[in-house]
Structure formats: C-alpha cells, structure tokens
PDB file of N, CA and C in Angstrom:
ATOM      1  N   UNK A   1       3.453  -0.823 -25.284  1.00  0.00           N
ATOM      2  CA  UNK A   1       3.265   0.372 -24.498  1.00  0.00           C
ATOM      3  C   UNK A   1       3.498  -0.017 -23.050  1.00  0.00           C
ATOM      4  N   UNK A   2       4.025   0.735 -22.247  1.00  0.00           N
ATOM      5  CA  UNK A   2       4.365   2.148 -22.349  1.00  0.00           C
ATOM      6  C   UNK A   2       5.789   2.373 -22.860  1.00  0.00           C
ATOM      7  N   UNK A   3       6.048   3.624 -23.243  1.00  0.00           N
ATOM      8  CA  UNK A   3       7.400   4.076 -23.555  1.00  0.00           C
ATOM      9  C   UNK A   3       7.866   4.903 -22.370  1.00  0.00           C
ATOM     10  N   UNK A   4       8.940   4.488 -21.729  1.00  0.00           N
ATOM     11  CA  UNK A   4       9.478   5.189 -20.555  1.00  0.00           C
ATOM     12  C   UNK A   4      10.810   5.825 -20.945  1.00  0.00           C
ATOM     13  N   UNK A   5      10.863   7.142 -20.880  1.00  0.00           N
ATOM     14  CA  UNK A   5      12.063   7.889 -21.237  1.00  0.00           C
ATOM     15  C   UNK A   5      12.618   8.496 -19.959  1.00  0.00           C
ATOM     16  N   UNK A   6      13.837   8.119 -19.630  1.00  0.00           N
ATOM     17  CA  UNK A   6      14.468   8.563 -18.382  1.00  0.00           C
ATOM     18  C   UNK A   6      15.546   9.577 -18.740  1.00  0.00           C
ATOM     19  N   UNK A   7      15.294  10.829 -18.396  1.00  0.00           N
ATOM     20  CA  UNK A   7      16.275  11.891 -18.588  1.00  0.00           C
ATOM     21  C   UNK A   7      16.971  12.098 -17.252  1.00  0.00           C
ATOM     22  N   UNK A   8      18.276  12.360 -17.291  1.00  0.00           N
ATOM     23  CA  UNK A   8      19.003  12.541 -16.042  1.00  0.00           C
ATOM     24  C   UNK A   8      20.253  13.376 -16.275  1.00  0.00           C
ATOM     25  N   UNK A   9      20.758  13.966 -15.193  1.00  0.00           N
ATOM     26  CA  UNK A   9      21.992  14.738 -15.290  1.00  0.00           C
ATOM     27  C   UNK A   9      23.176  13.784 -15.391  1.00  0.00           C
ATOM     28  N   UNK A  10      24.047  14.063 -16.325  1.00  0.00           N
ATOM     29  CA  UNK A  10      25.195  13.199 -16.630  1.00  0.00           C
ATOM     30  C   UNK A  10      26.039  12.896 -15.393  1.00  0.00           C
ATOM     31  N   UNK A  11      26.145  13.870 -14.480  1.00  0.00           N
ATOM     32  CA  UNK A  11      26.961  13.689 -13.276  1.00  0.00           C
ATOM     33  C   UNK A  11      26.489  12.525 -12.414  1.00  0.00           C
ATOM     34  N   UNK A  12      25.227  12.153 -12.535  1.00  0.00           N
ATOM     35  CA  UNK A  12      24.697  11.035 -11.746  1.00  0.00           C
ATOM     36  C   UNK A  12      25.390   9.717 -12.072  1.00  0.00           C
ATOM     37  N   UNK A  13      25.990   9.632 -13.264  1.00  0.00           N
ATOM     38  CA  UNK A  13      26.632   8.386 -13.666  1.00  0.00           C
ATOM     39  C   UNK A  13      27.804   8.018 -12.753  1.00  0.00           C
ATOM     40  N   UNK A  14      28.302   8.994 -11.966  1.00  0.00           N
ATOM     41  CA  UNK A  14      29.335   8.691 -10.970  1.00  0.00           C
ATOM     42  C   UNK A  14      28.753   7.908  -9.799  1.00  0.00           C
ATOM     43  N   UNK A  15      27.448   7.993  -9.596  1.00  0.00           N
ATOM     44  CA  UNK A  15      26.780   7.378  -8.450  1.00  0.00           C
ATOM     45  C   UNK A  15      25.858   6.217  -8.818  1.00  0.00           C
ATOM     46  N   UNK A  16      25.241   6.296  -9.981  1.00  0.00           N
ATOM     47  CA  UNK A  16      24.255   5.289 -10.387  1.00  0.00           C
ATOM     48  C   UNK A  16      24.350   5.083 -11.902  1.00  0.00           C
ATOM     49  N   UNK A  17      24.314   3.838 -12.323  1.00  0.00           N
ATOM     50  CA  UNK A  17      24.435   3.513 -13.742  1.00  0.00           C
ATOM     51  C   UNK A  17      23.100   3.715 -14.456  1.00  0.00           C
ATOM     52  N   UNK A  18      23.143   4.091 -15.740  1.00  0.00           N
ATOM     53  CA  UNK A  18      21.894   4.196 -16.507  1.00  0.00           C
ATOM     54  C   UNK A  18      21.083   2.900 -16.475  1.00  0.00           C
ATOM     55  N   UNK A  19      21.754   1.761 -16.478  1.00  0.00           N
ATOM     56  CA  UNK A  19      21.032   0.481 -16.419  1.00  0.00           C
ATOM     57  C   UNK A  19      20.270   0.332 -15.101  1.00  0.00           C
ATOM     58  N   UNK A  20      20.784   0.926 -14.023  1.00  0.00           N
ATOM     59  CA  UNK A  20      20.079   0.883 -12.741  1.00  0.00           C
ATOM     60  C   UNK A  20      18.852   1.795 -12.766  1.00  0.00           C
ATOM     61  N   UNK A  21      18.949   2.926 -13.445  1.00  0.00           N
ATOM     62  CA  UNK A  21      17.787   3.800 -13.613  1.00  0.00           C
ATOM     63  C   UNK A  21      16.699   3.069 -14.388  1.00  0.00           C
ATOM     64  N   UNK A  22      17.108   2.411 -15.467  1.00  0.00           N
ATOM     65  CA  UNK A  22      16.168   1.648 -16.282  1.00  0.00           C
ATOM     66  C   UNK A  22      15.487   0.574 -15.442  1.00  0.00           C
ATOM     67  N   UNK A  23      16.250  -0.135 -14.630  1.00  0.00           N
ATOM     68  CA  UNK A  23      15.684  -1.216 -13.824  1.00  0.00           C
ATOM     69  C   UNK A  23      14.686  -0.685 -12.798  1.00  0.00           C
ATOM     70  N   UNK A  24      14.973   0.457 -12.191  1.00  0.00           N
ATOM     71  CA  UNK A  24      14.038   1.044 -11.220  1.00  0.00           C
ATOM     72  C   UNK A  24      12.716   1.415 -11.893  1.00  0.00           C
ATOM     73  N   UNK A  25      12.800   2.048 -13.055  1.00  0.00           N
ATOM     74  CA  UNK A  25      11.573   2.452 -13.755  1.00  0.00           C
ATOM     75  C   UNK A  25      10.827   1.219 -14.259  1.00  0.00           C
ATOM     76  N   UNK A  26      11.563   0.233 -14.737  1.00  0.00           N
ATOM     77  CA  UNK A  26      10.939  -1.013 -15.193  1.00  0.00           C
ATOM     78  C   UNK A  26      10.163  -1.676 -14.054  1.00  0.00           C
ATOM     79  N   UNK A  27      10.804  -1.794 -12.883  1.00  0.00           N
ATOM     80  CA  UNK A  27      10.151  -2.442 -11.745  1.00  0.00           C
ATOM     81  C   UNK A  27       8.921  -1.665 -11.295  1.00  0.00           C
ATOM     82  N   UNK A  28       9.023  -0.340 -11.245  1.00  0.00           N
ATOM     83  CA  UNK A  28       7.876   0.476 -10.859  1.00  0.00           C
ATOM     84  C   UNK A  28       6.731   0.341 -11.835  1.00  0.00           C
ATOM     85  N   UNK A  29       7.052   0.364 -13.115  1.00  0.00           N
ATOM     86  CA  UNK A  29       6.027   0.228 -14.152  1.00  0.00           C
ATOM     87  C   UNK A  29       5.356  -1.137 -14.058  1.00  0.00           C
ATOM     88  N   UNK A  30       6.138  -2.157 -13.834  1.00  0.00           N
ATOM     89  CA  UNK A  30       5.601  -3.511 -13.696  1.00  0.00           C
ATOM     90  C   UNK A  30       4.715  -3.620 -12.454  1.00  0.00           C
ATOM     91  N   UNK A  31       5.133  -3.005 -11.343  1.00  0.00           N
ATOM     92  CA  UNK A  31       4.356  -3.061 -10.100  1.00  0.00           C
ATOM     93  C   UNK A  31       2.990  -2.391 -10.220  1.00  0.00           C
ATOM     94  N   UNK A  32       2.841  -1.521 -11.200  1.00  0.00           N
ATOM     95  CA  UNK A  32       1.553  -0.838 -11.369  1.00  0.00           C
ATOM     96  C   UNK A  32       0.450  -1.799 -11.800  1.00  0.00           C
ATOM     97  N   UNK A  33       0.822  -2.954 -12.327  1.00  0.00           N
ATOM     98  CA  UNK A  33      -0.123  -3.951 -12.838  1.00  0.00           C
ATOM     99  C   UNK A  33      -0.972  -3.424 -13.991  1.00  0.00           C
ATOM    100  N   UNK A  34      -0.471  -2.404 -14.678  1.00  0.00           N
ATOM    101  CA  UNK A  34      -1.182  -1.854 -15.834  1.00  0.00           C
ATOM    102  C   UNK A  34      -0.652  -2.405 -17.151  1.00  0.00           C
ATOM    103  N   UNK A  35       0.550  -3.014 -17.122  1.00  0.00           N
ATOM    104  CA  UNK A  35       1.220  -3.448 -18.347  1.00  0.00           C
ATOM    105  C   UNK A  35       1.870  -4.806 -18.124  1.00  0.00           C
ATOM    106  N   UNK A  36       2.070  -5.531 -19.222  1.00  0.00           N
ATOM    107  CA  UNK A  36       2.824  -6.783 -19.126  1.00  0.00           C
ATOM    108  C   UNK A  36       4.281  -6.491 -19.474  1.00  0.00           C
ATOM    109  N   UNK A  37       5.173  -7.288 -18.913  1.00  0.00           N
ATOM    110  CA  UNK A  37       6.602  -6.991 -18.992  1.00  0.00           C
ATOM    111  C   UNK A  37       7.129  -6.819 -20.410  1.00  0.00           C
ATOM    112  N   UNK A  38       6.693  -7.631 -21.341  1.00  0.00           N
ATOM    113  CA  UNK A  38       7.244  -7.567 -22.699  1.00  0.00           C
ATOM    114  C   UNK A  38       6.844  -6.291 -23.451  1.00  0.00           C
ATOM    115  N   UNK A  39       5.865  -5.557 -22.936  1.00  0.00           N
ATOM    116  CA  UNK A  39       5.413  -4.338 -23.602  1.00  0.00           C
ATOM    117  C   UNK A  39       6.066  -3.075 -23.056  1.00  0.00           C
ATOM    118  N   UNK A  40       6.847  -3.188 -21.984  1.00  0.00           N
ATOM    119  CA  UNK A  40       7.465  -2.014 -21.366  1.00  0.00           C
ATOM    120  C   UNK A  40       8.762  -1.681 -22.104  1.00  0.00           C
ATOM    121  N   UNK A  41       8.817  -0.469 -22.656  1.00  0.00           N
ATOM    122  CA  UNK A  41       9.987  -0.016 -23.418  1.00  0.00           C
ATOM    123  C   UNK A  41      10.656   1.104 -22.630  1.00  0.00           C
ATOM    124  N   UNK A  42      11.983   1.013 -22.464  1.00  0.00           N
ATOM    125  CA  UNK A  42      12.700   1.984 -21.647  1.00  0.00           C
ATOM    126  C   UNK A  42      13.960   2.468 -22.358  1.00  0.00           C
ATOM    127  N   UNK A  43      14.305   3.730 -22.107  1.00  0.00           N
ATOM    128  CA  UNK A  43      15.541   4.292 -22.647  1.00  0.00           C
ATOM    129  C   UNK A  43      15.966   5.475 -21.797  1.00  0.00           C
ATOM    130  N   UNK A  44      17.248   5.790 -21.875  1.00  0.00           N
ATOM    131  CA  UNK A  44      17.780   6.906 -21.097  1.00  0.00           C
ATOM    132  C   UNK A  44      18.388   7.961 -22.000  1.00  0.00           C
ATOM    133  N   UNK A  45      18.382   9.188 -21.499  1.00  0.00           N
ATOM    134  CA  UNK A  45      19.040  10.315 -22.154  1.00  0.00           C
ATOM    135  C   UNK A  45      19.734  11.107 -21.049  1.00  0.00           C
ATOM    136  N   UNK A  46      21.045  11.309 -21.192  1.00  0.00           N
ATOM    137  CA  UNK A  46      21.760  12.096 -20.188  1.00  0.00           C
ATOM    138  C   UNK A  46      21.979  13.521 -20.696  1.00  0.00           C
ATOM    139  N   UNK A  47      22.066  14.448 -19.743  1.00  0.00           N
ATOM    140  CA  UNK A  47      22.264  15.859 -20.062  1.00  0.00           C
ATOM    141  C   UNK A  47      23.477  16.389 -19.309  1.00  0.00           C
ATOM    142  N   UNK A  48      24.432  16.937 -20.055  1.00  0.00           N
ATOM    143  CA  UNK A  48      25.597  17.570 -19.430  1.00  0.00           C
ATOM    144  C   UNK A  48      25.259  18.979 -18.968  1.00  0.00           C
ATOM    145  N   UNK A  49      24.404  19.648 -19.689  1.00  0.00           N
ATOM    146  CA  UNK A  49      24.051  21.028 -19.384  1.00  0.00           C
ATOM    147  C   UNK A  49      22.626  21.086 -18.848  1.00  0.00           C
ATOM    148  N   UNK A  50      22.499  21.541 -17.618  1.00  0.00           N
ATOM    149  CA  UNK A  50      21.184  21.624 -16.990  1.00  0.00           C
ATOM    150  C   UNK A  50      21.252  22.605 -15.831  1.00  0.00           C
ATOM    151  N   UNK A  51      20.095  23.086 -15.425  1.00  0.00           N
ATOM    152  CA  UNK A  51      20.022  24.046 -14.335  1.00  0.00           C
ATOM    153  C   UNK A  51      18.603  24.040 -13.785  1.00  0.00           C
ATOM    154  N   UNK A  52      18.473  24.078 -12.474  1.00  0.00           N
ATOM    155  CA  UNK A  52      17.171  24.206 -11.828  1.00  0.00           C
ATOM    156  C   UNK A  52      17.219  25.508 -11.047  1.00  0.00           C
ATOM    157  N   UNK A  53      16.432  26.480 -11.494  1.00  0.00           N
ATOM    158  CA  UNK A  53      16.505  27.800 -10.869  1.00  0.00           C
ATOM    159  C   UNK A  53      17.886  28.381 -11.088  1.00  0.00           C
ATOM    160  N   UNK A  54      18.520  28.834 -10.030  1.00  0.00           N
ATOM    161  CA  UNK A  54      19.861  29.400 -10.172  1.00  0.00           C
ATOM    162  C   UNK A  54      20.934  28.430  -9.692  1.00  0.00           C
ATOM    163  N   UNK A  55      20.575  27.122  -9.580  1.00  0.00           N
ATOM    164  CA  UNK A  55      21.518  26.119  -9.109  1.00  0.00           C
ATOM    165  C   UNK A  55      21.677  24.999 -10.134  1.00  0.00           C
ATOM    166  N   UNK A  56      22.795  24.317 -10.031  1.00  0.00           N
ATOM    167  CA  UNK A  56      22.991  23.116 -10.831  1.00  0.00           C
ATOM    168  C   UNK A  56      22.751  21.920  -9.920  1.00  0.00           C
ATOM    169  N   UNK A  57      21.527  21.400  -9.962  1.00  0.00           N
ATOM    170  CA  UNK A  57      21.111  20.279  -9.115  1.00  0.00           C
ATOM    171  C   UNK A  57      20.934  19.056 -10.009  1.00  0.00           C
ATOM    172  N   UNK A  58      21.421  17.920  -9.550  1.00  0.00           N
ATOM    173  CA  UNK A  58      21.207  16.690 -10.300  1.00  0.00           C
ATOM    174  C   UNK A  58      19.724  16.366 -10.353  1.00  0.00           C
ATOM    175  N   UNK A  59      19.328  15.716 -11.453  1.00  0.00           N
ATOM    176  CA  UNK A  59      17.911  15.415 -11.636  1.00  0.00           C
ATOM    177  C   UNK A  59      17.711  14.095 -12.346  1.00  0.00           C
ATOM    178  N   UNK A  60      16.539  13.533 -12.125  1.00  0.00           N
ATOM    179  CA  UNK A  60      16.019  12.397 -12.888  1.00  0.00           C
ATOM    180  C   UNK A  60      14.585  12.772 -13.228  1.00  0.00           C
ATOM    181  N   UNK A  61      14.268  12.722 -14.508  1.00  0.00           N
ATOM    182  CA  UNK A  61      12.903  12.999 -14.937  1.00  0.00           C
ATOM    183  C   UNK A  61      12.435  11.847 -15.813  1.00  0.00           C
ATOM    184  N   UNK A  62      11.332  11.222 -15.412  1.00  0.00           N
ATOM    185  CA  UNK A  62      10.796  10.076 -16.141  1.00  0.00           C
ATOM    186  C   UNK A  62       9.505  10.498 -16.834  1.00  0.00           C
ATOM    187  N   UNK A  63       9.482  10.304 -18.138  1.00  0.00           N
ATOM    188  CA  UNK A  63       8.269  10.518 -18.922  1.00  0.00           C
ATOM    189  C   UNK A  63       7.754   9.146 -19.337  1.00  0.00           C
ATOM    190  N   UNK A  64       6.493   8.889 -19.028  1.00  0.00           N
ATOM    191  CA  UNK A  64       5.877   7.618 -19.387  1.00  0.00           C
ATOM    192  C   UNK A  64       4.767   7.924 -20.384  1.00  0.00           C
ATOM    193  N   UNK A  65       4.926   7.423 -21.598  1.00  0.00           N
ATOM    194  CA  UNK A  65       3.929   7.645 -22.644  1.00  0.00           C
ATOM    195  C   UNK A  65       3.078   6.390 -22.778  1.00  0.00           C
ATOM    196  N   UNK A  66       1.772   6.575 -22.607  1.00  0.00           N
ATOM    197  CA  UNK A  66       0.841   5.444 -22.667  1.00  0.00           C
ATOM    198  C   UNK A  66      -0.294   5.774 -23.629  1.00  0.00           C
ATOM    199  N   UNK A  67      -0.917   4.747 -24.165  1.00  0.00           N
ATOM    200  CA  UNK A  67      -2.081   4.949 -25.013  1.00  0.00           C
ATOM    201  C   UNK A  67      -3.262   5.413 -24.170  1.00  0.00           C
ATOM    202  N   UNK A  68      -4.163   6.163 -24.778  1.00  0.00           N
ATOM    203  CA  UNK A  68      -5.346   6.664 -24.077  1.00  0.00           C
ATOM    204  C   UNK A  68      -6.188   5.506 -23.555  1.00  0.00           C
ATOM    205  N   UNK A  69      -6.990   5.809 -22.547  1.00  0.00           N
ATOM    206  CA  UNK A  69      -7.914   4.811 -22.041  1.00  0.00           C
ATOM    207  C   UNK A  69      -7.736   4.490 -20.566  1.00  0.00           C
ATOM    208  N   UNK A  70      -6.668   4.947 -19.958  1.00  0.00           N
ATOM    209  CA  UNK A  70      -6.460   4.705 -18.523  1.00  0.00           C
ATOM    210  C   UNK A  70      -7.153   5.805 -17.714  1.00  0.00           C
ATOM    211  N   UNK A  71      -7.587   5.459 -16.541  1.00  0.00           N
ATOM    212  CA  UNK A  71      -8.239   6.440 -15.670  1.00  0.00           C
ATOM    213  C   UNK A  71      -7.195   7.385 -15.068  1.00  0.00           C
ATOM    214  N   UNK A  72      -7.671   8.512 -14.577  1.00  0.00           N
ATOM    215  CA  UNK A  72      -6.800   9.459 -13.876  1.00  0.00           C
ATOM    216  C   UNK A  72      -6.155   8.763 -12.675  1.00  0.00           C
ATOM    217  N   UNK A  73      -6.911   7.946 -11.984  1.00  0.00           N
ATOM    218  CA  UNK A  73      -6.397   7.228 -10.822  1.00  0.00           C
ATOM    219  C   UNK A  73      -5.263   6.279 -11.223  1.00  0.00           C
ATOM    220  N   UNK A  74      -5.418   5.567 -12.350  1.00  0.00           N
ATOM    221  CA  UNK A  74      -4.371   4.673 -12.840  1.00  0.00           C
ATOM    222  C   UNK A  74      -3.103   5.453 -13.169  1.00  0.00           C
ATOM    223  N   UNK A  75      -3.267   6.593 -13.839  1.00  0.00           N
ATOM    224  CA  UNK A  75      -2.094   7.400 -14.227  1.00  0.00           C
ATOM    225  C   UNK A  75      -1.405   7.981 -13.003  1.00  0.00           C
ATOM    226  N   UNK A  76      -2.185   8.430 -12.034  1.00  0.00           N
ATOM    227  CA  UNK A  76      -1.618   8.973 -10.801  1.00  0.00           C
ATOM    228  C   UNK A  76      -0.872   7.878 -10.038  1.00  0.00           C
ATOM    229  N   UNK A  77      -1.480   6.708  -9.935  1.00  0.00           N
ATOM    230  CA  UNK A  77      -0.841   5.586  -9.241  1.00  0.00           C
ATOM    231  C   UNK A  77       0.456   5.193  -9.932  1.00  0.00           C
ATOM    232  N   UNK A  78       0.445   5.115 -11.261  1.00  0.00           N
ATOM    233  CA  UNK A  78       1.643   4.778 -12.027  1.00  0.00           C
ATOM    234  C   UNK A  78       2.770   5.754 -11.716  1.00  0.00           C
ATOM    235  N   UNK A  79       2.464   7.033 -11.747  1.00  0.00           N
ATOM    236  CA  UNK A  79       3.454   8.065 -11.459  1.00  0.00           C
ATOM    237  C   UNK A  79       4.042   7.897 -10.060  1.00  0.00           C
ATOM    238  N   UNK A  80       3.190   7.680  -9.068  1.00  0.00           N
ATOM    239  CA  UNK A  80       3.657   7.558  -7.683  1.00  0.00           C
ATOM    240  C   UNK A  80       4.441   6.271  -7.435  1.00  0.00           C
ATOM    241  N   UNK A  81       4.022   5.185  -8.066  1.00  0.00           N
ATOM    242  CA  UNK A  81       4.730   3.906  -7.900  1.00  0.00           C
ATOM    243  C   UNK A  81       6.144   4.014  -8.460  1.00  0.00           C
ATOM    244  N   UNK A  82       6.291   4.609  -9.642  1.00  0.00           N
ATOM    245  CA  UNK A  82       7.624   4.785 -10.229  1.00  0.00           C
ATOM    246  C   UNK A  82       8.457   5.696  -9.334  1.00  0.00           C
ATOM    247  N   UNK A  83       7.886   6.796  -8.886  1.00  0.00           N
ATOM    248  CA  UNK A  83       8.602   7.737  -8.027  1.00  0.00           C
ATOM    249  C   UNK A  83       9.075   7.058  -6.741  1.00  0.00           C
ATOM    250  N   UNK A  84       8.251   6.205  -6.171  1.00  0.00           N
ATOM    251  CA  UNK A  84       8.612   5.507  -4.931  1.00  0.00           C
ATOM    252  C   UNK A  84       9.877   4.668  -5.078  1.00  0.00           C
ATOM    253  N   UNK A  85      10.132   4.154  -6.280  1.00  0.00           N
ATOM    254  CA  UNK A  85      11.317   3.324  -6.492  1.00  0.00           C
ATOM    255  C   UNK A  85      12.615   4.136  -6.488  1.00  0.00           C
ATOM    256  N   UNK A  86      12.523   5.448  -6.330  1.00  0.00           N
ATOM    257  CA  UNK A  86      13.712   6.296  -6.266  1.00  0.00           C
ATOM    258  C   UNK A  86      13.947   6.875  -4.872  1.00  0.00           C
ATOM    259  N   UNK A  87      13.058   6.619  -3.936  1.00  0.00           N
ATOM    260  CA  UNK A  87      13.159   7.238  -2.608  1.00  0.00           C
ATOM    261  C   UNK A  87      14.404   6.835  -1.835  1.00  0.00           C
ATOM    262  N   UNK A  88      14.972   5.676  -2.117  1.00  0.00           N
ATOM    263  CA  UNK A  88      16.130   5.217  -1.357  1.00  0.00           C
ATOM    264  C   UNK A  88      17.469   5.667  -1.938  1.00  0.00           C
ATOM    265  N   UNK A  89      17.457   6.453  -3.003  1.00  0.00           N
ATOM    266  CA  UNK A  89      18.711   6.949  -3.570  1.00  0.00           C
ATOM    267  C   UNK A  89      19.299   7.971  -2.609  1.00  0.00           C
ATOM    268  N   UNK A  90      20.567   7.774  -2.263  1.00  0.00           N
ATOM    269  CA  UNK A  90      21.222   8.647  -1.291  1.00  0.00           C
ATOM    270  C   UNK A  90      22.139   9.651  -2.005  1.00  0.00           C
ATOM    271  N   UNK A  91      21.548  10.445  -2.876  1.00  0.00           N
ATOM    272  CA  UNK A  91      22.261  11.498  -3.596  1.00  0.00           C
ATOM    273  C   UNK A  91      21.544  12.798  -3.261  1.00  0.00           C
ATOM    274  N   UNK A  92      22.263  13.735  -2.686  1.00  0.00           N
ATOM    275  CA  UNK A  92      21.645  14.998  -2.289  1.00  0.00           C
ATOM    276  C   UNK A  92      22.446  16.167  -2.838  1.00  0.00           C
ATOM    277  N   UNK A  93      21.843  17.214  -3.308  1.00  0.00           N
ATOM    278  CA  UNK A  93      20.418  17.309  -3.631  1.00  0.00           C
ATOM    279  C   UNK A  93      20.117  16.585  -4.939  1.00  0.00           C
ATOM    280  N   UNK A  94      18.905  16.104  -5.074  1.00  0.00           N
ATOM    281  CA  UNK A  94      18.461  15.394  -6.269  1.00  0.00           C
ATOM    282  C   UNK A  94      16.982  15.664  -6.463  1.00  0.00           C
ATOM    283  N   UNK A  95      16.612  16.079  -7.660  1.00  0.00           N
ATOM    284  CA  UNK A  95      15.212  16.287  -8.017  1.00  0.00           C
ATOM    285  C   UNK A  95      14.764  15.106  -8.870  1.00  0.00           C
ATOM    286  N   UNK A  96      13.709  14.421  -8.428  1.00  0.00           N
ATOM    287  CA  UNK A  96      13.157  13.291  -9.184  1.00  0.00           C
ATOM    288  C   UNK A  96      11.704  13.605  -9.500  1.00  0.00           C
ATOM    289  N   UNK A  97      11.358  13.546 -10.784  1.00  0.00           N
ATOM    290  CA  UNK A  97       9.992  13.813 -11.215  1.00  0.00           C
ATOM    291  C   UNK A  97       9.533  12.731 -12.182  1.00  0.00           C
ATOM    292  N   UNK A  98       8.220  12.501 -12.191  1.00  0.00           N
ATOM    293  CA  UNK A  98       7.615  11.522 -13.100  1.00  0.00           C
ATOM    294  C   UNK A  98       6.355  12.152 -13.674  1.00  0.00           C
ATOM    295  N   UNK A  99       6.189  12.021 -14.980  1.00  0.00           N
ATOM    296  CA  UNK A  99       4.958  12.497 -15.609  1.00  0.00           C
ATOM    297  C   UNK A  99       4.450  11.435 -16.569  1.00  0.00           C
ATOM    298  N   UNK A 100       3.141  11.383 -16.705  1.00  0.00           N
ATOM    299  CA  UNK A 100       2.502  10.416 -17.591  1.00  0.00           C
ATOM    300  C   UNK A 100       1.784  11.184 -18.696  1.00  0.00           C
ATOM    301  N   UNK A 101       2.131  10.853 -19.922  1.00  0.00           N
ATOM    302  CA  UNK A 101       1.499  11.454 -21.105  1.00  0.00           C
ATOM    303  C   UNK A 101       0.642  10.411 -21.801  1.00  0.00           C
ATOM    304  N   UNK A 102      -0.438  10.866 -22.388  1.00  0.00           N
ATOM    305  CA  UNK A 102      -1.260   9.975 -23.201  1.00  0.00           C
ATOM    306  C   UNK A 102      -0.959  10.190 -24.680  1.00  0.00           C
ATOM    307  N   UNK A 103      -0.887   9.093 -25.400  1.00  0.00           N
ATOM    308  CA  UNK A 103      -0.757   9.102 -26.852  1.00  0.00           C
ATOM    309  C   UNK A 103      -2.107   8.663 -27.401  1.00  0.00           C
ATOM    310  N   UNK A 104      -2.651   9.433 -28.302  1.00  0.00           N
ATOM    311  CA  UNK A 104      -3.934   9.060 -28.899  1.00  0.00           C
ATOM    312  C   UNK A 104      -3.769   7.775 -29.701  1.00  0.00           C
ATOM    313  N   UNK A 105      -4.677   6.841 -29.469  1.00  0.00           N
ATOM    314  CA  UNK A 105      -4.631   5.571 -30.194  1.00  0.00           C
ATOM    315  C   UNK A 105      -4.625   5.787 -31.705  1.00  0.00           C
ATOM    316  N   UNK A 106      -5.398   6.769 -32.162  1.00  0.00           N
ATOM    317  CA  UNK A 106      -5.551   7.011 -33.602  1.00  0.00           C
ATOM    318  C   UNK A 106      -4.263   7.538 -34.254  1.00  0.00           C
ATOM    319  N   UNK A 107      -3.388   8.161 -33.473  1.00  0.00           N
ATOM    320  CA  UNK A 107      -2.179   8.740 -34.056  1.00  0.00           C
ATOM    321  C   UNK A 107      -0.941   7.883 -33.829  1.00  0.00           C
ATOM    322  N   UNK A 108      -1.091   6.743 -33.165  1.00  0.00           N
ATOM    323  CA  UNK A 108       0.045   5.884 -32.874  1.00  0.00           C
ATOM    324  C   UNK A 108       0.137   4.766 -33.901  1.00  0.00           C
ATOM    325  N   UNK A 109       1.334   4.605 -34.466  1.00  0.00           N
ATOM    326  CA  UNK A 109       1.579   3.535 -35.421  1.00  0.00           C
ATOM    327  C   UNK A 109       2.798   2.755 -34.957  1.00  0.00           C
ATOM    328  N   UNK A 110       2.851   1.472 -35.300  1.00  0.00           N
ATOM    329  CA  UNK A 110       3.947   0.635 -34.861  1.00  0.00           C
ATOM    330  C   UNK A 110       4.292  -0.356 -35.969  1.00  0.00           C
ATOM    331  N   UNK A 111       5.590  -0.571 -36.144  1.00  0.00           N
ATOM    332  CA  UNK A 111       6.094  -1.545 -37.100  1.00  0.00           C
ATOM    333  C   UNK A 111       7.268  -2.264 -36.467  1.00  0.00           C
ATOM    334  N   UNK A 112       7.212  -3.563 -36.380  1.00  0.00           N
ATOM    335  CA  UNK A 112       8.319  -4.357 -35.870  1.00  0.00           C
ATOM    336  C   UNK A 112       8.866  -5.160 -37.039  1.00  0.00           C
ATOM    337  N   UNK A 113      10.128  -4.967 -37.339  1.00  0.00           N
ATOM    338  CA  UNK A 113      10.762  -5.652 -38.470  1.00  0.00           C
ATOM    339  C   UNK A 113      11.649  -6.774 -38.004  1.00  0.00           C
TER     340      UNK A 113
END
C-alpha cells in the first residue's frame, strides 16, 4: 500500500511522459514518510475524451488508495505533498487534483504469485 492511480489527459503526453508523472507521485508519496518505497504501487491511465465545465482543459488527477488507520492530518499532508510535486509544471491551463481514499482492511485481499 498505497495504490496510486494517475489519470491524465492524453494531450499532456506531448509535454510530459507518463513515467515522469509516475516519478513525481512516487517522490511525493515517499516524502510523506507514511510508506516504505517497496510498498508504493503506481499506474497511469490516459483519457482522450475529457471536459471541465464547457472547456477542454488538460488535467492530472491522482487517486491514492490506502488502508484505514491513518489520521485526517496524515491524509491531508499526503495529498498536499503529492500536489506540491506538480507546482513547477509549466503547462497552462492545467488542473491538478489529488484525493486520498481509504480501503477497509477487512475487505482488502492480496496475492503475490
């Protein structure tokens, strides 16, 4: 844990590689000091069709799924730390959002083969 899912507008690939998005989220997640590096799982999903209001604005949306047990302060800090790693992107306009979801420990199962 955590599972970090990075959704973004496909057009961003002209400016930034998916691997760079992954690295930014990885570094932010690591800086939170809530997780060890080997437990951080990351993946990207691009979207060709998207719209914000009545405009087509590029976006990055990061969903971080973590097991229950973290404080509100920890989750808020995690969200802000990840978001901070995107402040230097020089793509305008760009909407960047981060949300943290909890997964109930009782409903989470894992199998590594």
